[in-house]
């Protein structure tokens, strides 16, 4: 009985989150069309992360041993879906913060290893800087805000 409840819970939440992913996609499209909505994009992106983190926390309490693998796969899929938005969201958010074009891209070296390339208009003679994680990207942008 527990298995059904845990999987049903995650399935329902995942379905609800599909709408939030769609909303984020629409916000990104609106931004490209000229709407200044970087704050809404940042808020939605962070909100999705919080929801996934909350689901992970709750799944520890509702899952039995048989559910753990299936739930982990579903949660990883949600993480991957959210992470796929990172380059576009970060580019929009950091462009707004710095007031000049910022382009963030990701290069996957392996399943668990990736590099983040950040090119800020007018910095480093137009050359992209490489970082190994999101925190390094955030700190670089903060250093340029000063």
N, C-alpha and C. Protein backbone atom coordinates (compact mmCIF):
# COMPACT_ATOMS: atom_id res chain seq x y z
N UNK A 1 0.82 -1.20 0.00
CA UNK A 1 0.00 0.00 0.00
C UNK A 1 0.85 1.26 0.00
N UNK A 2 1.95 1.25 0.74
CA UNK A 2 2.81 2.43 0.79
C UNK A 2 3.37 2.78 -0.58
N UNK A 3 3.73 1.77 -1.35
CA UNK A 3 4.32 2.03 -2.66
C UNK A 3 3.37 2.88 -3.51
N UNK A 4 2.12 2.51 -3.55
CA UNK A 4 1.15 3.25 -4.34
C UNK A 4 1.04 4.69 -3.87
N UNK A 5 1.00 4.90 -2.58
CA UNK A 5 0.87 6.25 -2.05
C UNK A 5 2.08 7.11 -2.38
N UNK A 6 3.28 6.57 -2.24
CA UNK A 6 4.48 7.35 -2.52
C UNK A 6 4.57 7.71 -3.99
N UNK A 7 4.33 6.71 -4.85
CA UNK A 7 4.41 6.99 -6.29
C UNK A 7 3.28 7.90 -6.73
N UNK A 8 2.11 7.73 -6.15
CA UNK A 8 0.98 8.60 -6.47
C UNK A 8 1.29 10.05 -6.07
N UNK A 9 1.88 10.21 -4.90
CA UNK A 9 2.25 11.53 -4.42
C UNK A 9 3.21 12.22 -5.40
N UNK A 10 4.27 11.53 -5.76
CA UNK A 10 5.26 12.12 -6.65
C UNK A 10 4.66 12.37 -8.03
N UNK A 11 3.82 11.46 -8.52
CA UNK A 11 3.19 11.66 -9.82
C UNK A 11 2.30 12.90 -9.82
N UNK A 12 1.54 13.10 -8.76
CA UNK A 12 0.66 14.27 -8.67
C UNK A 12 1.47 15.57 -8.62
N UNK A 13 2.49 15.57 -7.80
CA UNK A 13 3.32 16.77 -7.69
C UNK A 13 4.04 17.04 -9.02
N UNK A 14 4.53 15.99 -9.66
CA UNK A 14 5.22 16.15 -10.94
C UNK A 14 4.29 16.75 -11.99
N UNK A 15 3.04 16.29 -11.99
CA UNK A 15 2.06 16.84 -12.93
C UNK A 15 1.82 18.32 -12.65
N UNK A 16 1.74 18.68 -11.38
CA UNK A 16 1.57 20.09 -11.02
C UNK A 16 2.78 20.91 -11.46
N UNK A 17 3.94 20.34 -11.33
CA UNK A 17 5.16 21.07 -11.70
C UNK A 17 5.29 21.25 -13.21
N UNK A 18 4.66 20.39 -13.99
CA UNK A 18 4.72 20.53 -15.44
C UNK A 18 4.21 21.91 -15.86
N UNK A 19 3.17 22.37 -15.19
CA UNK A 19 2.64 23.71 -15.48
C UNK A 19 3.64 24.79 -15.14
N UNK A 20 4.39 24.61 -14.07
CA UNK A 20 5.39 25.60 -13.69
C UNK A 20 6.55 25.63 -14.70
N UNK A 21 6.93 24.46 -15.19
CA UNK A 21 7.96 24.41 -16.23
C UNK A 21 7.47 25.11 -17.50
N UNK A 22 6.20 24.89 -17.84
CA UNK A 22 5.62 25.57 -19.00
C UNK A 22 5.60 27.08 -18.80
N UNK A 23 5.24 27.51 -17.59
CA UNK A 23 5.23 28.95 -17.29
C UNK A 23 6.63 29.54 -17.44
N UNK A 24 7.63 28.83 -16.96
CA UNK A 24 9.00 29.31 -17.07
C UNK A 24 9.40 29.44 -18.54
N UNK A 25 9.03 28.47 -19.34
CA UNK A 25 9.33 28.52 -20.79
C UNK A 25 8.66 29.75 -21.42
N UNK A 26 7.43 30.01 -21.04
CA UNK A 26 6.71 31.17 -21.57
C UNK A 26 7.36 32.48 -21.12
N UNK A 27 7.82 32.54 -19.87
CA UNK A 27 8.49 33.75 -19.38
C UNK A 27 9.78 34.01 -20.14
N UNK A 28 10.51 32.96 -20.45
CA UNK A 28 11.76 33.10 -21.20
C UNK A 28 11.46 33.63 -22.60
N UNK A 29 10.42 33.08 -23.23
CA UNK A 29 10.02 33.55 -24.56
C UNK A 29 9.59 35.01 -24.51
N UNK A 30 8.85 35.39 -23.48
CA UNK A 30 8.40 36.78 -23.34
C UNK A 30 9.60 37.70 -23.14
N UNK A 31 10.60 37.23 -22.39
CA UNK A 31 11.80 38.04 -22.18
C UNK A 31 12.53 38.27 -23.50
N UNK A 32 12.62 37.24 -24.31
CA UNK A 32 13.27 37.38 -25.62
C UNK A 32 12.50 38.34 -26.52
N UNK A 33 11.19 38.43 -26.28
CA UNK A 33 10.35 39.34 -27.06
C UNK A 33 10.37 40.76 -26.51
N UNK A 34 11.14 40.98 -25.44
CA UNK A 34 11.31 42.32 -24.94
C UNK A 34 10.73 42.61 -23.57
N UNK A 35 10.05 41.67 -22.97
CA UNK A 35 9.47 41.89 -21.65
C UNK A 35 10.57 41.79 -20.59
N UNK A 36 10.59 42.75 -19.67
CA UNK A 36 11.58 42.74 -18.59
C UNK A 36 11.01 41.95 -17.42
N UNK A 37 11.26 40.64 -17.41
CA UNK A 37 10.70 39.78 -16.38
C UNK A 37 11.76 38.92 -15.71
N UNK A 38 12.99 39.39 -15.66
CA UNK A 38 14.09 38.62 -15.08
C UNK A 38 13.80 38.23 -13.64
N UNK A 39 13.16 39.13 -12.89
CA UNK A 39 12.86 38.82 -11.49
C UNK A 39 11.87 37.65 -11.40
N UNK A 40 10.84 37.65 -12.24
CA UNK A 40 9.87 36.56 -12.24
C UNK A 40 10.53 35.25 -12.66
N UNK A 41 11.43 35.30 -13.61
CA UNK A 41 12.14 34.11 -14.06
C UNK A 41 12.99 33.55 -12.92
N UNK A 42 13.71 34.43 -12.25
CA UNK A 42 14.55 33.99 -11.13
C UNK A 42 13.69 33.38 -10.02
N UNK A 43 12.59 34.02 -9.71
CA UNK A 43 11.71 33.54 -8.66
C UNK A 43 11.14 32.16 -9.01
N UNK A 44 10.70 31.99 -10.22
CA UNK A 44 10.13 30.71 -10.64
C UNK A 44 11.18 29.61 -10.67
N UNK A 45 12.38 29.92 -11.17
CA UNK A 45 13.47 28.94 -11.22
C UNK A 45 13.83 28.48 -9.80
N UNK A 46 13.95 29.41 -8.89
CA UNK A 46 14.27 29.08 -7.49
C UNK A 46 13.12 28.30 -6.84
N UNK A 47 11.89 28.70 -7.15
CA UNK A 47 10.72 28.01 -6.60
C UNK A 47 10.69 26.55 -7.03
N UNK A 48 11.00 26.29 -8.29
CA UNK A 48 11.05 24.91 -8.77
C UNK A 48 12.10 24.10 -8.00
N UNK A 49 13.25 24.71 -7.75
CA UNK A 49 14.29 24.04 -6.97
C UNK A 49 13.82 23.72 -5.56
N UNK A 50 13.12 24.65 -4.95
CA UNK A 50 12.61 24.43 -3.60
C UNK A 50 11.56 23.32 -3.58
N UNK A 51 10.70 23.29 -4.58
CA UNK A 51 9.69 22.23 -4.65
C UNK A 51 10.34 20.86 -4.78
N UNK A 52 11.33 20.76 -5.64
CA UNK A 52 12.01 19.48 -5.83
C UNK A 52 12.72 19.07 -4.55
N UNK A 53 13.38 20.02 -3.92
CA UNK A 53 14.07 19.72 -2.67
C UNK A 53 13.06 19.26 -1.60
N UNK A 54 11.93 19.90 -1.53
CA UNK A 54 10.89 19.49 -0.59
C UNK A 54 10.37 18.10 -0.88
N UNK A 55 10.21 17.78 -2.16
CA UNK A 55 9.77 16.45 -2.54
C UNK A 55 10.80 15.40 -2.13
N UNK A 56 12.07 15.72 -2.30
CA UNK A 56 13.12 14.79 -1.89
C UNK A 56 13.04 14.53 -0.38
N UNK A 57 12.86 15.59 0.35
CA UNK A 57 12.77 15.47 1.81
C UNK A 57 11.57 14.62 2.21
N UNK A 58 10.42 14.92 1.61
CA UNK A 58 9.21 14.18 1.95
C UNK A 58 9.30 12.72 1.51
N UNK A 59 9.96 12.46 0.39
CA UNK A 59 10.02 11.09 -0.10
C UNK A 59 10.79 10.18 0.86
N UNK A 60 11.69 10.76 1.62
CA UNK A 60 12.42 9.96 2.61
C UNK A 60 11.47 9.40 3.66
N UNK A 61 10.39 10.08 3.92
CA UNK A 61 9.45 9.66 4.95
C UNK A 61 8.32 8.78 4.44
N UNK A 62 7.98 8.89 3.17
CA UNK A 62 6.85 8.13 2.66
C UNK A 62 7.26 6.91 1.84
N UNK A 63 8.52 6.84 1.48
CA UNK A 63 8.96 5.74 0.62
C UNK A 63 9.43 4.55 1.44
N UNK A 64 9.06 3.36 0.98
CA UNK A 64 9.66 2.18 1.58
C UNK A 64 10.84 1.77 0.68
N UNK A 65 11.49 0.69 1.02
CA UNK A 65 12.69 0.29 0.29
C UNK A 65 12.41 0.05 -1.19
N UNK A 66 11.24 -0.48 -1.50
CA UNK A 66 10.89 -0.75 -2.90
C UNK A 66 10.69 0.54 -3.69
N UNK A 67 10.25 1.59 -3.03
CA UNK A 67 9.97 2.86 -3.71
C UNK A 67 11.20 3.70 -3.95
N UNK A 68 12.22 3.55 -3.14
CA UNK A 68 13.35 4.47 -3.16
C UNK A 68 13.96 4.65 -4.54
N UNK A 69 14.18 3.55 -5.25
CA UNK A 69 14.82 3.66 -6.57
C UNK A 69 13.91 4.39 -7.56
N UNK A 70 12.63 4.01 -7.58
CA UNK A 70 11.71 4.67 -8.51
C UNK A 70 11.55 6.15 -8.19
N UNK A 71 11.43 6.47 -6.93
CA UNK A 71 11.31 7.88 -6.53
C UNK A 71 12.58 8.66 -6.87
N UNK A 72 13.72 8.05 -6.64
CA UNK A 72 14.98 8.72 -6.96
C UNK A 72 15.06 9.03 -8.45
N UNK A 73 14.60 8.11 -9.28
CA UNK A 73 14.62 8.35 -10.73
C UNK A 73 13.69 9.49 -11.12
N UNK A 74 12.49 9.51 -10.54
CA UNK A 74 11.53 10.57 -10.84
C UNK A 74 12.09 11.92 -10.40
N UNK A 75 12.65 11.97 -9.20
CA UNK A 75 13.21 13.22 -8.69
C UNK A 75 14.41 13.67 -9.50
N UNK A 76 15.23 12.72 -9.94
CA UNK A 76 16.38 13.07 -10.78
C UNK A 76 15.91 13.65 -12.11
N UNK A 77 14.85 13.09 -12.66
CA UNK A 77 14.29 13.64 -13.90
C UNK A 77 13.82 15.08 -13.71
N UNK A 78 13.20 15.36 -12.57
CA UNK A 78 12.77 16.73 -12.29
C UNK A 78 13.98 17.65 -12.14
N UNK A 79 15.01 17.20 -11.45
CA UNK A 79 16.24 17.99 -11.34
C UNK A 79 16.82 18.27 -12.72
N UNK A 80 16.89 17.25 -13.55
CA UNK A 80 17.46 17.41 -14.89
C UNK A 80 16.64 18.39 -15.72
N UNK A 81 15.33 18.30 -15.59
CA UNK A 81 14.47 19.21 -16.35
C UNK A 81 14.69 20.66 -15.90
N UNK A 82 14.79 20.87 -14.60
CA UNK A 82 15.04 22.22 -14.08
C UNK A 82 16.43 22.69 -14.49
N UNK A 83 17.43 21.83 -14.35
CA UNK A 83 18.80 22.21 -14.68
C UNK A 83 18.96 22.58 -16.15
N UNK A 84 18.14 22.00 -17.00
CA UNK A 84 18.21 22.34 -18.43
C UNK A 84 17.84 23.80 -18.68
N UNK A 85 17.10 24.40 -17.77
CA UNK A 85 16.74 25.82 -17.90
C UNK A 85 17.86 26.75 -17.43
N UNK A 86 18.84 26.23 -16.70
CA UNK A 86 19.85 27.10 -16.07
C UNK A 86 20.53 28.05 -17.05
N UNK A 87 21.07 27.60 -18.17
CA UNK A 87 21.79 28.57 -19.04
C UNK A 87 20.92 29.74 -19.49
N UNK A 88 19.70 29.45 -19.89
CA UNK A 88 18.83 30.54 -20.37
C UNK A 88 18.41 31.46 -19.23
N UNK A 89 18.04 30.86 -18.09
CA UNK A 89 17.62 31.67 -16.95
C UNK A 89 18.78 32.52 -16.43
N UNK A 90 19.94 31.91 -16.26
CA UNK A 90 21.10 32.64 -15.74
C UNK A 90 21.49 33.77 -16.68
N UNK A 91 21.44 33.52 -17.98
CA UNK A 91 21.79 34.57 -18.95
C UNK A 91 20.86 35.78 -18.79
N UNK A 92 19.58 35.52 -18.65
CA UNK A 92 18.59 36.60 -18.50
C UNK A 92 18.78 37.33 -17.17
N UNK A 93 18.91 36.57 -16.10
CA UNK A 93 19.02 37.16 -14.76
C UNK A 93 20.30 37.98 -14.64
N UNK A 94 21.41 37.43 -15.10
CA UNK A 94 22.69 38.13 -14.97
C UNK A 94 22.79 39.32 -15.92
N UNK A 95 22.15 39.23 -17.08
CA UNK A 95 22.09 40.38 -17.99
C UNK A 95 21.37 41.53 -17.31
N UNK A 96 20.28 41.23 -16.63
CA UNK A 96 19.51 42.25 -15.91
C UNK A 96 20.34 42.86 -14.77
N UNK A 97 21.03 42.00 -14.01
CA UNK A 97 21.82 42.49 -12.88
C UNK A 97 22.98 43.38 -13.32
N UNK A 98 23.66 42.99 -14.38
CA UNK A 98 24.85 43.74 -14.81
C UNK A 98 24.52 44.87 -15.78
N UNK A 99 23.36 44.81 -16.39
CA UNK A 99 22.99 45.85 -17.35
C UNK A 99 23.74 45.74 -18.67
N UNK A 100 24.29 44.58 -18.94
CA UNK A 100 24.95 44.31 -20.22
C UNK A 100 24.81 42.83 -20.54
N UNK A 101 24.91 42.49 -21.81
CA UNK A 101 24.66 41.09 -22.21
C UNK A 101 25.59 40.09 -21.52
N UNK A 102 24.97 39.03 -21.01
CA UNK A 102 25.68 37.90 -20.39
C UNK A 102 25.17 36.64 -21.07
N UNK A 103 26.09 35.80 -21.47
CA UNK A 103 25.71 34.51 -22.07
C UNK A 103 26.33 33.39 -21.25
N UNK A 104 25.47 32.50 -20.74
CA UNK A 104 25.92 31.35 -19.96
C UNK A 104 25.62 30.09 -20.77
N UNK A 105 26.61 29.26 -20.94
CA UNK A 105 26.42 27.98 -21.62
C UNK A 105 27.05 26.87 -20.78
N UNK A 106 26.65 25.66 -21.06
CA UNK A 106 27.14 24.50 -20.31
C UNK A 106 27.73 23.49 -21.30
N UNK A 107 28.85 22.93 -20.90
CA UNK A 107 29.46 21.84 -21.65
C UNK A 107 29.54 20.63 -20.72
N UNK A 108 28.88 19.55 -21.10
CA UNK A 108 28.89 18.33 -20.30
C UNK A 108 30.09 17.48 -20.69
N UNK A 109 31.02 17.31 -19.75
CA UNK A 109 32.18 16.45 -20.01
C UNK A 109 31.85 14.99 -19.74
N UNK A 110 30.99 14.74 -18.81
CA UNK A 110 30.49 13.40 -18.50
C UNK A 110 29.15 13.57 -17.83
N UNK A 111 28.55 12.46 -17.41
CA UNK A 111 27.22 12.54 -16.80
C UNK A 111 27.21 13.46 -15.58
N UNK A 112 28.25 13.40 -14.77
CA UNK A 112 28.29 14.16 -13.53
C UNK A 112 29.24 15.35 -13.54
N UNK A 113 29.90 15.59 -14.66
CA UNK A 113 30.89 16.67 -14.71
C UNK A 113 30.55 17.61 -15.86
N UNK A 114 30.55 18.89 -15.55
CA UNK A 114 30.27 19.87 -16.59
C UNK A 114 31.05 21.15 -16.33
N UNK A 115 31.25 21.90 -17.39
CA UNK A 115 31.87 23.22 -17.30
C UNK A 115 30.84 24.26 -17.67
N UNK A 116 30.93 25.41 -17.01
CA UNK A 116 30.05 26.53 -17.29
C UNK A 116 30.88 27.62 -17.94
N UNK A 117 30.46 28.07 -19.11
CA UNK A 117 31.14 29.14 -19.81
C UNK A 117 30.30 30.41 -19.67
N UNK A 118 30.95 31.48 -19.26
CA UNK A 118 30.26 32.74 -19.06
C UNK A 118 30.97 33.82 -19.86
N UNK A 119 30.23 34.45 -20.74
CA UNK A 119 30.77 35.54 -21.53
C UNK A 119 29.96 36.80 -21.21
N UNK A 120 30.65 37.79 -20.66
CA UNK A 120 30.03 39.06 -20.31
C UNK A 120 30.55 40.11 -21.27
N UNK A 121 29.62 40.82 -21.90
CA UNK A 121 29.98 41.86 -22.85
C UNK A 121 30.93 42.86 -22.20
N UNK A 122 32.07 43.08 -22.80
CA UNK A 122 33.03 44.06 -22.30
C UNK A 122 34.00 43.52 -21.28
N UNK A 123 33.93 42.26 -20.92
CA UNK A 123 34.85 41.66 -19.96
C UNK A 123 35.74 40.64 -20.66
N UNK A 124 36.97 40.52 -20.20
CA UNK A 124 37.92 39.51 -20.70
C UNK A 124 38.09 39.55 -22.22
N UNK A 125 38.03 40.73 -22.80
CA UNK A 125 38.17 40.90 -24.25
C UNK A 125 37.22 39.98 -25.03
N UNK A 126 36.03 39.80 -24.50
CA UNK A 126 35.03 38.98 -25.18
C UNK A 126 35.23 37.49 -25.05
N UNK A 127 36.24 37.07 -24.29
CA UNK A 127 36.50 35.65 -24.09
C UNK A 127 35.64 35.12 -22.95
N UNK A 128 35.13 33.91 -23.12
CA UNK A 128 34.33 33.28 -22.07
C UNK A 128 35.24 32.78 -20.95
N UNK A 129 34.79 32.95 -19.73
CA UNK A 129 35.48 32.38 -18.58
C UNK A 129 34.84 31.03 -18.28
N UNK A 130 35.65 30.10 -17.80
CA UNK A 130 35.17 28.75 -17.52
C UNK A 130 35.11 28.52 -16.02
N UNK A 131 34.01 27.90 -15.58
CA UNK A 131 33.81 27.59 -14.16
C UNK A 131 33.36 26.14 -14.05
N UNK A 132 33.60 25.56 -12.87
CA UNK A 132 33.25 24.15 -12.68
C UNK A 132 31.92 23.95 -11.96
N UNK A 133 31.34 25.02 -11.44
CA UNK A 133 30.04 24.88 -10.79
C UNK A 133 29.28 26.21 -10.76
N UNK A 134 28.03 26.11 -10.42
CA UNK A 134 27.14 27.28 -10.41
C UNK A 134 27.57 28.31 -9.38
N UNK A 135 28.08 27.86 -8.24
CA UNK A 135 28.51 28.80 -7.21
C UNK A 135 29.65 29.69 -7.71
N UNK A 136 30.57 29.13 -8.48
CA UNK A 136 31.66 29.93 -9.04
C UNK A 136 31.13 30.97 -10.03
N UNK A 137 30.13 30.58 -10.81
CA UNK A 137 29.51 31.52 -11.75
C UNK A 137 28.88 32.66 -10.96
N UNK A 138 28.14 32.33 -9.92
CA UNK A 138 27.47 33.34 -9.09
C UNK A 138 28.48 34.31 -8.48
N UNK A 139 29.58 33.79 -7.97
CA UNK A 139 30.60 34.64 -7.37
C UNK A 139 31.25 35.56 -8.42
N UNK A 140 31.47 35.06 -9.61
CA UNK A 140 32.03 35.88 -10.68
C UNK A 140 31.10 37.04 -11.01
N UNK A 141 29.83 36.74 -11.13
CA UNK A 141 28.86 37.80 -11.43
C UNK A 141 28.82 38.81 -10.29
N UNK A 142 28.84 38.34 -9.05
CA UNK A 142 28.86 39.25 -7.91
C UNK A 142 30.08 40.16 -7.96
N UNK A 143 31.23 39.64 -8.36
CA UNK A 143 32.44 40.45 -8.45
C UNK A 143 32.31 41.55 -9.50
N UNK A 144 31.52 41.30 -10.53
CA UNK A 144 31.32 42.30 -11.57
C UNK A 144 30.27 43.34 -11.17
N UNK A 145 29.40 42.99 -10.23
CA UNK A 145 28.37 43.92 -9.77
C UNK A 145 28.96 45.04 -8.92
N UNK A 146 30.06 44.77 -8.29
CA UNK A 146 30.66 45.74 -7.36
C UNK A 146 31.14 46.98 -8.03
